[in-house]
Amino acid sequence: MTTFTTTVQTMYTLPQVDGQTDVVVNVNYLTTGVDGAHTAEIGFSQQYTIQQGEAFTPYASLTQAQVVGWVDPQTISNMEACVQGQIDSMITPPVSPTSQALPWSA
């Protein structure tokens, strides 16, 4: 059973947007999966804009859980599926086809 975590790697801000300071406009995330001795990960980036009427949290008050919560659940699910595919390939490596001599030329 694979355990997944998504973490914030870096956040990029603009100094001021619509009267707010240190506004997050891009976040780099990392989704990691661990299944026993097998670990895989995939990074992804998401851009953001301030939406009218949305609550604004000052940069210094943001938490990792809050920023990860900004990601669409389907995106998280897709990233976890990619990581699971990597782990599955580690556990059961794919078999590559091999070239053989033609049967009629032996």
PDB file of N, CA and C in Angstrom:
ATOM      1  N   MET A   1       0.850  -1.187   0.000  1.00  0.00           N
ATOM      2  CA  MET A   1       0.000   0.000   0.000  1.00  0.00           C
ATOM      3  C   MET A   1       0.886   1.238   0.000  1.00  0.00           C
ATOM      4  N   THR A   2       0.645   2.088  -0.930  1.00  0.00           N
ATOM      5  CA  THR A   2       1.466   3.292  -1.077  1.00  0.00           C
ATOM      6  C   THR A   2       0.887   4.427  -0.237  1.00  0.00           C
ATOM      7  N   THR A   3       1.775   5.124   0.448  1.00  0.00           N
ATOM      8  CA  THR A   3       1.405   6.319   1.206  1.00  0.00           C
ATOM      9  C   THR A   3       1.885   7.531   0.419  1.00  0.00           C
ATOM     10  N   PHE A   4       0.971   8.460   0.158  1.00  0.00           N
ATOM     11  CA  PHE A   4       1.286   9.647  -0.633  1.00  0.00           C
ATOM     12  C   PHE A   4       1.309  10.893   0.238  1.00  0.00           C
ATOM     13  N   THR A   5       2.211  11.808  -0.102  1.00  0.00           N
ATOM     14  CA  THR A   5       2.212  13.136   0.510  1.00  0.00           C
ATOM     15  C   THR A   5       2.498  14.156  -0.587  1.00  0.00           C
ATOM     16  N   THR A   6       1.841  15.291  -0.483  1.00  0.00           N
ATOM     17  CA  THR A   6       2.117  16.407  -1.384  1.00  0.00           C
ATOM     18  C   THR A   6       2.611  17.556  -0.523  1.00  0.00           C
ATOM     19  N   THR A   7       3.766  18.103  -0.899  1.00  0.00           N
ATOM     20  CA  THR A   7       4.370  19.184  -0.125  1.00  0.00           C
ATOM     21  C   THR A   7       4.668  20.374  -1.026  1.00  0.00           C
ATOM     22  N   VAL A   8       4.801  21.518  -0.401  1.00  0.00           N
ATOM     23  CA  VAL A   8       5.161  22.744  -1.106  1.00  0.00           C
ATOM     24  C   VAL A   8       6.681  22.828  -1.147  1.00  0.00           C
ATOM     25  N   GLN A   9       7.226  23.016  -2.336  1.00  0.00           N
ATOM     26  CA  GLN A   9       8.670  23.143  -2.498  1.00  0.00           C
ATOM     27  C   GLN A   9       9.111  24.612  -2.525  1.00  0.00           C
ATOM     28  N   THR A  10       8.428  25.423  -3.329  1.00  0.00           N
ATOM     29  CA  THR A  10       8.737  26.852  -3.413  1.00  0.00           C
ATOM     30  C   THR A  10       7.464  27.625  -3.736  1.00  0.00           C
ATOM     31  N   MET A  11       7.441  28.880  -3.299  1.00  0.00           N
ATOM     32  CA  MET A  11       6.335  29.773  -3.628  1.00  0.00           C
ATOM     33  C   MET A  11       6.925  31.070  -4.179  1.00  0.00           C
ATOM     34  N   TYR A  12       6.323  31.553  -5.253  1.00  0.00           N
ATOM     35  CA  TYR A  12       6.743  32.797  -5.871  1.00  0.00           C
ATOM     36  C   TYR A  12       5.661  33.845  -5.635  1.00  0.00           C
ATOM     37  N   THR A  13       6.086  35.062  -5.299  1.00  0.00           N
ATOM     38  CA  THR A  13       5.138  36.123  -4.973  1.00  0.00           C
ATOM     39  C   THR A  13       5.393  37.361  -5.813  1.00  0.00           C
ATOM     40  N   LEU A  14       4.366  38.185  -5.903  1.00  0.00           N
ATOM     41  CA  LEU A  14       4.500  39.541  -6.422  1.00  0.00           C
ATOM     42  C   LEU A  14       4.409  40.479  -5.220  1.00  0.00           C
ATOM     43  N   PRO A  15       5.143  41.597  -5.248  1.00  0.00           N
ATOM     44  CA  PRO A  15       5.158  42.476  -4.077  1.00  0.00           C
ATOM     45  C   PRO A  15       3.786  43.066  -3.737  1.00  0.00           C
ATOM     46  N   GLN A  16       2.983  43.343  -4.781  1.00  0.00           N
ATOM     47  CA  GLN A  16       1.665  43.924  -4.512  1.00  0.00           C
ATOM     48  C   GLN A  16       0.705  43.625  -5.657  1.00  0.00           C
ATOM     49  N   VAL A  17      -0.514  43.186  -5.279  1.00  0.00           N
ATOM     50  CA  VAL A  17      -1.582  42.924  -6.241  1.00  0.00           C
ATOM     51  C   VAL A  17      -2.892  43.347  -5.587  1.00  0.00           C
ATOM     52  N   ASP A  18      -3.635  44.220  -6.260  1.00  0.00           N
ATOM     53  CA  ASP A  18      -4.947  44.662  -5.767  1.00  0.00           C
ATOM     54  C   ASP A  18      -4.915  45.075  -4.299  1.00  0.00           C
ATOM     55  N   GLY A  19      -3.874  45.797  -3.919  1.00  0.00           N
ATOM     56  CA  GLY A  19      -3.785  46.303  -2.555  1.00  0.00           C
ATOM     57  C   GLY A  19      -3.247  45.307  -1.531  1.00  0.00           C
ATOM     58  N   GLN A  20      -2.987  44.078  -1.940  1.00  0.00           N
ATOM     59  CA  GLN A  20      -2.426  43.068  -1.036  1.00  0.00           C
ATOM     60  C   GLN A  20      -0.922  42.958  -1.296  1.00  0.00           C
ATOM     61  N   THR A  21      -0.154  42.633  -0.257  1.00  0.00           N
ATOM     62  CA  THR A  21       1.288  42.507  -0.423  1.00  0.00           C
ATOM     63  C   THR A  21       1.715  41.048  -0.358  1.00  0.00           C
ATOM     64  N   ASP A  22       2.863  40.767  -0.988  1.00  0.00           N
ATOM     65  CA  ASP A  22       3.435  39.415  -1.023  1.00  0.00           C
ATOM     66  C   ASP A  22       2.396  38.378  -1.439  1.00  0.00           C
ATOM     67  N   VAL A  23       1.851  38.580  -2.617  1.00  0.00           N
ATOM     68  CA  VAL A  23       0.777  37.730  -3.141  1.00  0.00           C
ATOM     69  C   VAL A  23       1.381  36.529  -3.874  1.00  0.00           C
ATOM     70  N   VAL A  24       0.997  35.332  -3.468  1.00  0.00           N
ATOM     71  CA  VAL A  24       1.493  34.104  -4.089  1.00  0.00           C
ATOM     72  C   VAL A  24       0.878  33.980  -5.485  1.00  0.00           C
ATOM     73  N   VAL A  25       1.751  33.821  -6.484  1.00  0.00           N
ATOM     74  CA  VAL A  25       1.277  33.699  -7.863  1.00  0.00           C
ATOM     75  C   VAL A  25       1.680  32.382  -8.509  1.00  0.00           C
ATOM     76  N   ASN A  26       2.636  31.669  -7.900  1.00  0.00           N
ATOM     77  CA  ASN A  26       3.054  30.379  -8.440  1.00  0.00           C
ATOM     78  C   ASN A  26       3.611  29.529  -7.305  1.00  0.00           C
ATOM     79  N   VAL A  27       3.233  28.248  -7.314  1.00  0.00           N
ATOM     80  CA  VAL A  27       3.705  27.319  -6.283  1.00  0.00           C
ATOM     81  C   VAL A  27       4.223  26.061  -6.968  1.00  0.00           C
ATOM     82  N   ASN A  28       5.381  25.601  -6.535  1.00  0.00           N
ATOM     83  CA  ASN A  28       5.926  24.323  -6.974  1.00  0.00           C
ATOM     84  C   ASN A  28       5.664  23.295  -5.888  1.00  0.00           C
ATOM     85  N   TYR A  29       5.038  22.201  -6.289  1.00  0.00           N
ATOM     86  CA  TYR A  29       4.673  21.128  -5.369  1.00  0.00           C
ATOM     87  C   TYR A  29       5.465  19.867  -5.693  1.00  0.00           C
ATOM     88  N   LEU A  30       5.517  18.942  -4.725  1.00  0.00           N
ATOM     89  CA  LEU A  30       6.137  17.642  -4.928  1.00  0.00           C
ATOM     90  C   LEU A  30       5.213  16.596  -4.319  1.00  0.00           C
ATOM     91  N   THR A  31       4.789  15.630  -5.138  1.00  0.00           N
ATOM     92  CA  THR A  31       4.003  14.502  -4.646  1.00  0.00           C
ATOM     93  C   THR A  31       4.934  13.303  -4.556  1.00  0.00           C
ATOM     94  N   THR A  32       4.991  12.709  -3.363  1.00  0.00           N
ATOM     95  CA  THR A  32       5.874  11.580  -3.087  1.00  0.00           C
ATOM     96  C   THR A  32       5.033  10.388  -2.676  1.00  0.00           C
ATOM     97  N   GLY A  33       5.424   9.224  -3.142  1.00  0.00           N
ATOM     98  CA  GLY A  33       4.770   7.975  -2.747  1.00  0.00           C
ATOM     99  C   GLY A  33       5.803   7.024  -2.177  1.00  0.00           C
ATOM    100  N   VAL A  34       5.433   6.354  -1.082  1.00  0.00           N
ATOM    101  CA  VAL A  34       6.322   5.373  -0.456  1.00  0.00           C
ATOM    102  C   VAL A  34       5.544   4.078  -0.296  1.00  0.00           C
ATOM    103  N   ASP A  35       6.112   2.993  -0.820  1.00  0.00           N
ATOM    104  CA  ASP A  35       5.530   1.655  -0.687  1.00  0.00           C
ATOM    105  C   ASP A  35       6.661   0.728  -0.271  1.00  0.00           C
ATOM    106  N   GLY A  36       6.782   0.498   1.023  1.00  0.00           N
ATOM    107  CA  GLY A  36       7.887  -0.322   1.526  1.00  0.00           C
ATOM    108  C   GLY A  36       9.208   0.335   1.221  1.00  0.00           C
ATOM    109  N   ALA A  37      10.057  -0.374   0.497  1.00  0.00           N
ATOM    110  CA  ALA A  37      11.384   0.141   0.158  1.00  0.00           C
ATOM    111  C   ALA A  37      11.374   0.986  -1.113  1.00  0.00           C
ATOM    112  N   HIS A  38      10.226   1.154  -1.727  1.00  0.00           N
ATOM    113  CA  HIS A  38      10.134   1.863  -3.005  1.00  0.00           C
ATOM    114  C   HIS A  38       9.571   3.266  -2.804  1.00  0.00           C
ATOM    115  N   THR A  39      10.284   4.249  -3.342  1.00  0.00           N
ATOM    116  CA  THR A  39       9.860   5.644  -3.253  1.00  0.00           C
ATOM    117  C   THR A  39       9.947   6.278  -4.632  1.00  0.00           C
ATOM    118  N   ALA A  40       8.927   7.049  -4.979  1.00  0.00           N
ATOM    119  CA  ALA A  40       8.924   7.785  -6.248  1.00  0.00           C
ATOM    120  C   ALA A  40       8.281   9.139  -6.001  1.00  0.00           C
ATOM    121  N   GLU A  41       8.561  10.076  -6.896  1.00  0.00           N
ATOM    122  CA  GLU A  41       8.004  11.413  -6.737  1.00  0.00           C
ATOM    123  C   GLU A  41       7.858  12.097  -8.079  1.00  0.00           C
ATOM    124  N   ILE A  42       6.986  13.104  -8.074  1.00  0.00           N
ATOM    125  CA  ILE A  42       6.782  13.923  -9.266  1.00  0.00           C
ATOM    126  C   ILE A  42       6.499  15.343  -8.805  1.00  0.00           C
ATOM    127  N   GLY A  43       7.111  16.288  -9.491  1.00  0.00           N
ATOM    128  CA  GLY A  43       6.877  17.687  -9.182  1.00  0.00           C
ATOM    129  C   GLY A  43       5.892  18.293 -10.155  1.00  0.00           C
ATOM    130  N   PHE A  44       5.208  19.315  -9.697  1.00  0.00           N
ATOM    131  CA  PHE A  44       4.311  20.057 -10.586  1.00  0.00           C
ATOM    132  C   PHE A  44       4.181  21.481 -10.078  1.00  0.00           C
ATOM    133  N   SER A  45       3.748  22.359 -10.956  1.00  0.00           N
ATOM    134  CA  SER A  45       3.652  23.777 -10.656  1.00  0.00           C
ATOM    135  C   SER A  45       2.235  24.260 -10.941  1.00  0.00           C
ATOM    136  N   GLN A  46       1.805  25.225 -10.158  1.00  0.00           N
ATOM    137  CA  GLN A  46       0.459  25.770 -10.344  1.00  0.00           C
ATOM    138  C   GLN A  46       0.524  27.292 -10.215  1.00  0.00           C
ATOM    139  N   GLN A  47      -0.161  27.990 -11.112  1.00  0.00           N
ATOM    140  CA  GLN A  47      -0.230  29.450 -11.051  1.00  0.00           C
ATOM    141  C   GLN A  47      -1.528  29.870 -10.392  1.00  0.00           C
ATOM    142  N   TYR A  48      -1.503  31.035  -9.723  1.00  0.00           N
ATOM    143  CA  TYR A  48      -2.673  31.529  -9.006  1.00  0.00           C
ATOM    144  C   TYR A  48      -2.864  33.016  -9.260  1.00  0.00           C
ATOM    145  N   THR A  49      -4.122  33.451  -9.153  1.00  0.00           N
ATOM    146  CA  THR A  49      -4.471  34.869  -9.206  1.00  0.00           C
ATOM    147  C   THR A  49      -5.441  35.144  -8.067  1.00  0.00           C
ATOM    148  N   ILE A  50      -5.481  36.391  -7.638  1.00  0.00           N
ATOM    149  CA  ILE A  50      -6.442  36.776  -6.597  1.00  0.00           C
ATOM    150  C   ILE A  50      -7.828  36.822  -7.237  1.00  0.00           C
ATOM    151  N   GLN A  51      -8.781  36.202  -6.589  1.00  0.00           N
ATOM    152  CA  GLN A  51     -10.164  36.235  -7.065  1.00  0.00           C
ATOM    153  C   GLN A  51     -10.951  37.218  -6.204  1.00  0.00           C
ATOM    154  N   GLN A  52     -11.722  38.082  -6.847  1.00  0.00           N
ATOM    155  CA  GLN A  52     -12.536  39.050  -6.111  1.00  0.00           C
ATOM    156  C   GLN A  52     -13.444  38.325  -5.119  1.00  0.00           C
ATOM    157  N   GLY A  53     -13.513  38.829  -3.911  1.00  0.00           N
ATOM    158  CA  GLY A  53     -14.399  38.257  -2.911  1.00  0.00           C
ATOM    159  C   GLY A  53     -13.800  37.113  -2.109  1.00  0.00           C
ATOM    160  N   GLU A  54     -12.649  36.602  -2.539  1.00  0.00           N
ATOM    161  CA  GLU A  54     -11.995  35.522  -1.785  1.00  0.00           C
ATOM    162  C   GLU A  54     -11.254  36.091  -0.585  1.00  0.00           C
ATOM    163  N   ALA A  55     -11.221  35.325   0.487  1.00  0.00           N
ATOM    164  CA  ALA A  55     -10.452  35.740   1.652  1.00  0.00           C
ATOM    165  C   ALA A  55      -8.970  35.706   1.297  1.00  0.00           C
ATOM    166  N   PHE A  56      -8.230  36.680   1.790  1.00  0.00           N
ATOM    167  CA  PHE A  56      -6.793  36.739   1.531  1.00  0.00           C
ATOM    168  C   PHE A  56      -6.056  36.475   2.828  1.00  0.00           C
ATOM    169  N   THR A  57      -5.109  35.550   2.773  1.00  0.00           N
ATOM    170  CA  THR A  57      -4.275  35.244   3.931  1.00  0.00           C
ATOM    171  C   THR A  57      -2.906  35.860   3.699  1.00  0.00           C
ATOM    172  N   PRO A  58      -2.422  36.678   4.627  1.00  0.00           N
ATOM    173  CA  PRO A  58      -1.080  37.244   4.463  1.00  0.00           C
ATOM    174  C   PRO A  58      -0.032  36.137   4.334  1.00  0.00           C
ATOM    175  N   TYR A  59       0.996  36.409   3.548  1.00  0.00           N
ATOM    176  CA  TYR A  59       2.031  35.417   3.264  1.00  0.00           C
ATOM    177  C   TYR A  59       2.578  34.794   4.545  1.00  0.00           C
ATOM    178  N   ALA A  60       2.889  35.612   5.535  1.00  0.00           N
ATOM    179  CA  ALA A  60       3.500  35.114   6.772  1.00  0.00           C
ATOM    180  C   ALA A  60       2.566  34.197   7.551  1.00  0.00           C
ATOM    181  N   SER A  61       1.281  34.228   7.258  1.00  0.00           N
ATOM    182  CA  SER A  61       0.308  33.399   7.976  1.00  0.00           C
ATOM    183  C   SER A  61      -0.075  32.121   7.235  1.00  0.00           C
ATOM    184  N   LEU A  62       0.421  31.951   6.007  1.00  0.00           N
ATOM    185  CA  LEU A  62       0.089  30.750   5.236  1.00  0.00           C
ATOM    186  C   LEU A  62       0.691  29.508   5.885  1.00  0.00           C
ATOM    187  N   THR A  63      -0.029  28.401   5.777  1.00  0.00           N
ATOM    188  CA  THR A  63       0.493  27.110   6.230  1.00  0.00           C
ATOM    189  C   THR A  63       0.619  26.196   5.022  1.00  0.00           C
ATOM    190  N   GLN A  64       1.461  25.171   5.161  1.00  0.00           N
ATOM    191  CA  GLN A  64       1.614  24.217   4.065  1.00  0.00           C
ATOM    192  C   GLN A  64       0.274  23.546   3.750  1.00  0.00           C
ATOM    193  N   ALA A  65      -0.463  23.172   4.781  1.00  0.00           N
ATOM    194  CA  ALA A  65      -1.763  22.522   4.561  1.00  0.00           C
ATOM    195  C   ALA A  65      -2.700  23.428   3.759  1.00  0.00           C
ATOM    196  N   GLN A  66      -2.694  24.712   4.055  1.00  0.00           N
ATOM    197  CA  GLN A  66      -3.558  25.650   3.341  1.00  0.00           C
ATOM    198  C   GLN A  66      -3.152  25.742   1.872  1.00  0.00           C
ATOM    199  N   VAL A  67      -1.859  25.846   1.614  1.00  0.00           N
ATOM    200  CA  VAL A  67      -1.383  26.001   0.226  1.00  0.00           C
ATOM    201  C   VAL A  67      -1.606  24.707  -0.561  1.00  0.00           C
ATOM    202  N   VAL A  68      -1.380  23.568   0.054  1.00  0.00           N
ATOM    203  CA  VAL A  68      -1.675  22.294  -0.621  1.00  0.00           C
ATOM    204  C   VAL A  68      -3.176  22.194  -0.895  1.00  0.00           C
ATOM    205  N   GLY A  69      -3.981  22.742  -0.011  1.00  0.00           N
ATOM    206  CA  GLY A  69      -5.434  22.741  -0.190  1.00  0.00           C
ATOM    207  C   GLY A  69      -5.903  23.547  -1.389  1.00  0.00           C
ATOM    208  N   TRP A  70      -5.059  24.403  -1.918  1.00  0.00           N
ATOM    209  CA  TRP A  70      -5.412  25.176  -3.114  1.00  0.00           C
ATOM    210  C   TRP A  70      -5.428  24.303  -4.363  1.00  0.00           C
ATOM    211  N   VAL A  71      -4.770  23.156  -4.321  1.00  0.00           N
ATOM    212  CA  VAL A  71      -4.664  22.294  -5.500  1.00  0.00           C
ATOM    213  C   VAL A  71      -5.972  21.536  -5.697  1.00  0.00           C
ATOM    214  N   ASP A  72      -6.440  21.517  -6.934  1.00  0.00           N
ATOM    215  CA  ASP A  72      -7.645  20.763  -7.280  1.00  0.00           C
ATOM    216  C   ASP A  72      -7.432  19.286  -6.920  1.00  0.00           C
ATOM    217  N   PRO A  73      -8.376  18.666  -6.220  1.00  0.00           N
ATOM    218  CA  PRO A  73      -8.220  17.259  -5.837  1.00  0.00           C
ATOM    219  C   PRO A  73      -7.945  16.330  -7.021  1.00  0.00           C
ATOM    220  N   GLN A  74      -8.481  16.646  -8.190  1.00  0.00           N
ATOM    221  CA  GLN A  74      -8.221  15.806  -9.370  1.00  0.00           C
ATOM    222  C   GLN A  74      -6.755  15.880  -9.777  1.00  0.00           C
ATOM    223  N   THR A  75      -6.145  17.044  -9.625  1.00  0.00           N
ATOM    224  CA  THR A  75      -4.717  17.185  -9.930  1.00  0.00           C
ATOM    225  C   THR A  75      -3.900  16.325  -8.980  1.00  0.00           C
ATOM    226  N   ILE A  76      -4.228  16.365  -7.696  1.00  0.00           N
ATOM    227  CA  ILE A  76      -3.527  15.528  -6.712  1.00  0.00           C
ATOM    228  C   ILE A  76      -3.694  14.056  -7.086  1.00  0.00           C
ATOM    229  N   SER A  77      -4.908  13.658  -7.430  1.00  0.00           N
ATOM    230  CA  SER A  77      -5.183  12.271  -7.808  1.00  0.00           C
ATOM    231  C   SER A  77      -4.355  11.862  -9.027  1.00  0.00           C
ATOM    232  N   ASN A  78      -4.255  12.751 -10.009  1.00  0.00           N
ATOM    233  CA  ASN A  78      -3.464  12.465 -11.212  1.00  0.00           C
ATOM    234  C   ASN A  78      -1.980  12.315 -10.874  1.00  0.00           C
ATOM    235  N   MET A  79      -1.472  13.179 -10.000  1.00  0.00           N
ATOM    236  CA  MET A  79      -0.065  13.095  -9.609  1.00  0.00           C
ATOM    237  C   MET A  79       0.199  11.789  -8.849  1.00  0.00           C
ATOM    238  N   GLU A  80      -0.712  11.412  -7.966  1.00  0.00           N
ATOM    239  CA  GLU A  80      -0.567  10.158  -7.227  1.00  0.00           C
ATOM    240  C   GLU A  80      -0.583   8.956  -8.167  1.00  0.00           C
ATOM    241  N   ALA A  81      -1.420   9.014  -9.201  1.00  0.00           N
ATOM    242  CA  ALA A  81      -1.472   7.920 -10.171  1.00  0.00           C
ATOM    243  C   ALA A  81      -0.139   7.800 -10.928  1.00  0.00           C
ATOM    244  N   CYS A  82       0.467   8.925 -11.274  1.00  0.00           N
ATOM    245  CA  CYS A  82       1.775   8.899 -11.948  1.00  0.00           C
ATOM    246  C   CYS A  82       2.837   8.295 -11.033  1.00  0.00           C
ATOM    247  N   VAL A  83       2.834   8.706  -9.774  1.00  0.00           N
ATOM    248  CA  VAL A  83       3.803   8.186  -8.813  1.00  0.00           C
ATOM    249  C   VAL A  83       3.577   6.688  -8.610  1.00  0.00           C
ATOM    250  N   GLN A  84       2.309   6.273  -8.524  1.00  0.00           N
ATOM    251  CA  GLN A  84       2.007   4.857  -8.350  1.00  0.00           C
ATOM    252  C   GLN A  84       2.524   4.051  -9.534  1.00  0.00           C
ATOM    253  N   GLY A  85       2.406   4.590 -10.733  1.00  0.00           N
ATOM    254  CA  GLY A  85       2.925   3.916 -11.916  1.00  0.00           C
ATOM    255  C   GLY A  85       4.437   3.724 -11.838  1.00  0.00           C
ATOM    256  N   GLN A  86       5.133   4.735 -11.322  1.00  0.00           N
ATOM    257  CA  GLN A  86       6.584   4.614 -11.149  1.00  0.00           C
ATOM    258  C   GLN A  86       6.914   3.504 -10.149  1.00  0.00           C
ATOM    259  N   ILE A  87       6.189   3.481  -9.044  1.00  0.00           N
ATOM    260  CA  ILE A  87       6.429   2.466  -8.008  1.00  0.00           C
ATOM    261  C   ILE A  87       6.097   1.079  -8.544  1.00  0.00           C
ATOM    262  N   ASP A  88       4.980   0.954  -9.253  1.00  0.00           N
ATOM    263  CA  ASP A  88       4.606  -0.345  -9.829  1.00  0.00           C
ATOM    264  C   ASP A  88       5.704  -0.864 -10.759  1.00  0.00           C
ATOM    265  N   SER A  89       6.320   0.040 -11.523  1.00  0.00           N
ATOM    266  CA  SER A  89       7.406  -0.360 -12.426  1.00  0.00           C
ATOM    267  C   SER A  89       8.660  -0.773 -11.667  1.00  0.00           C
ATOM    268  N   MET A  90       8.851  -0.222 -10.481  1.00  0.00           N
ATOM    269  CA  MET A  90       9.985  -0.647  -9.642  1.00  0.00           C
ATOM    270  C   MET A  90       9.729  -2.037  -9.064  1.00  0.00           C
ATOM    271  N   ILE A  91       8.505  -2.262  -8.629  1.00  0.00           N
ATOM    272  CA  ILE A  91       8.149  -3.546  -8.010  1.00  0.00           C
ATOM    273  C   ILE A  91       8.137  -4.654  -9.057  1.00  0.00           C
ATOM    274  N   THR A  92       7.509  -4.375 -10.209  1.00  0.00           N
ATOM    275  CA  THR A  92       7.436  -5.340 -11.303  1.00  0.00           C
ATOM    276  C   THR A  92       7.936  -4.642 -12.561  1.00  0.00           C
ATOM    277  N   PRO A  93       9.250  -4.704 -12.796  1.00  0.00           N
ATOM    278  CA  PRO A  93       9.786  -3.998 -13.964  1.00  0.00           C
ATOM    279  C   PRO A  93       9.151  -4.493 -15.260  1.00  0.00           C
ATOM    280  N   PRO A  94       8.875  -3.580 -16.167  1.00  0.00           N
ATOM    281  CA  PRO A  94       8.306  -3.997 -17.450  1.00  0.00           C
ATOM    282  C   PRO A  94       9.309  -4.842 -18.229  1.00  0.00           C
ATOM    283  N   VAL A  95       8.790  -5.770 -18.985  1.00  0.00           N
ATOM    284  CA  VAL A  95       9.631  -6.632 -19.808  1.00  0.00           C
ATOM    285  C   VAL A  95       9.808  -5.964 -21.165  1.00  0.00           C
ATOM    286  N   SER A  96      11.055  -5.790 -21.546  1.00  0.00           N
ATOM    287  CA  SER A  96      11.352  -5.174 -22.843  1.00  0.00           C
ATOM    288  C   SER A  96      11.447  -6.258 -23.906  1.00  0.00           C
ATOM    289  N   PRO A  97      10.923  -5.984 -25.088  1.00  0.00           N
ATOM    290  CA  PRO A  97      11.047  -6.974 -26.162  1.00  0.00           C
ATOM    291  C   PRO A  97      12.504  -7.104 -26.594  1.00  0.00           C
ATOM    292  N   THR A  98      12.864  -8.269 -27.041  1.00  0.00           N
ATOM    293  CA  THR A  98      14.224  -8.512 -27.532  1.00  0.00           C
ATOM    294  C   THR A  98      14.164  -8.968 -28.979  1.00  0.00           C
ATOM    295  N   SER A  99      15.227  -8.693 -29.677  1.00  0.00           N
ATOM    296  CA  SER A  99      15.343  -9.092 -31.067  1.00  0.00           C
ATOM    297  C   SER A  99      15.854 -10.529 -31.123  1.00  0.00           C
ATOM    298  N   GLN A 100      15.255 -11.340 -31.980  1.00  0.00           N
ATOM    299  CA  GLN A 100      15.710 -12.702 -32.176  1.00  0.00           C
ATOM    300  C   GLN A 100      16.024 -12.927 -33.660  1.00  0.00           C
ATOM    301  N   ALA A 101      16.820 -13.944 -33.903  1.00  0.00           N
ATOM    302  CA  ALA A 101      17.109 -14.291 -35.286  1.00  0.00           C
ATOM    303  C   ALA A 101      15.813 -14.734 -35.962  1.00  0.00           C
ATOM    304  N   LEU A 102      15.681 -14.395 -37.220  1.00  0.00           N
ATOM    305  CA  LEU A 102      14.480 -14.794 -37.961  1.00  0.00           C
ATOM    306  C   LEU A 102      14.453 -16.309 -38.084  1.00  0.00           C
ATOM    307  N   PRO A 103      13.296 -16.936 -37.879  1.00  0.00           N
ATOM    308  CA  PRO A 103      13.224 -18.378 -37.875  1.00  0.00           C
ATOM    309  C   PRO A 103      13.558 -19.032 -39.227  1.00  0.00           C
ATOM    310  N   TRP A 104      13.358 -18.316 -40.300  1.00  0.00           N
ATOM    311  CA  TRP A 104      13.628 -18.894 -41.610  1.00  0.00           C
ATOM    312  C   TRP A 104      15.064 -18.671 -42.076  1.00  0.00           C
ATOM    313  N   SER A 105      15.864 -17.956 -41.266  1.00  0.00           N
ATOM    314  CA  SER A 105      17.237 -17.729 -41.700  1.00  0.00           C
ATOM    315  C   SER A 105      18.230 -18.490 -40.824  1.00  0.00           C
ATOM    316  N   ALA A 106      17.747 -19.435 -40.073  1.00  0.00           N
ATOM    317  CA  ALA A 106      18.657 -20.189 -39.207  1.00  0.00           C
ATOM    318  C   ALA A 106      19.280 -21.366 -39.914  1.00  0.00           C
TER     319      ALA A 106
END
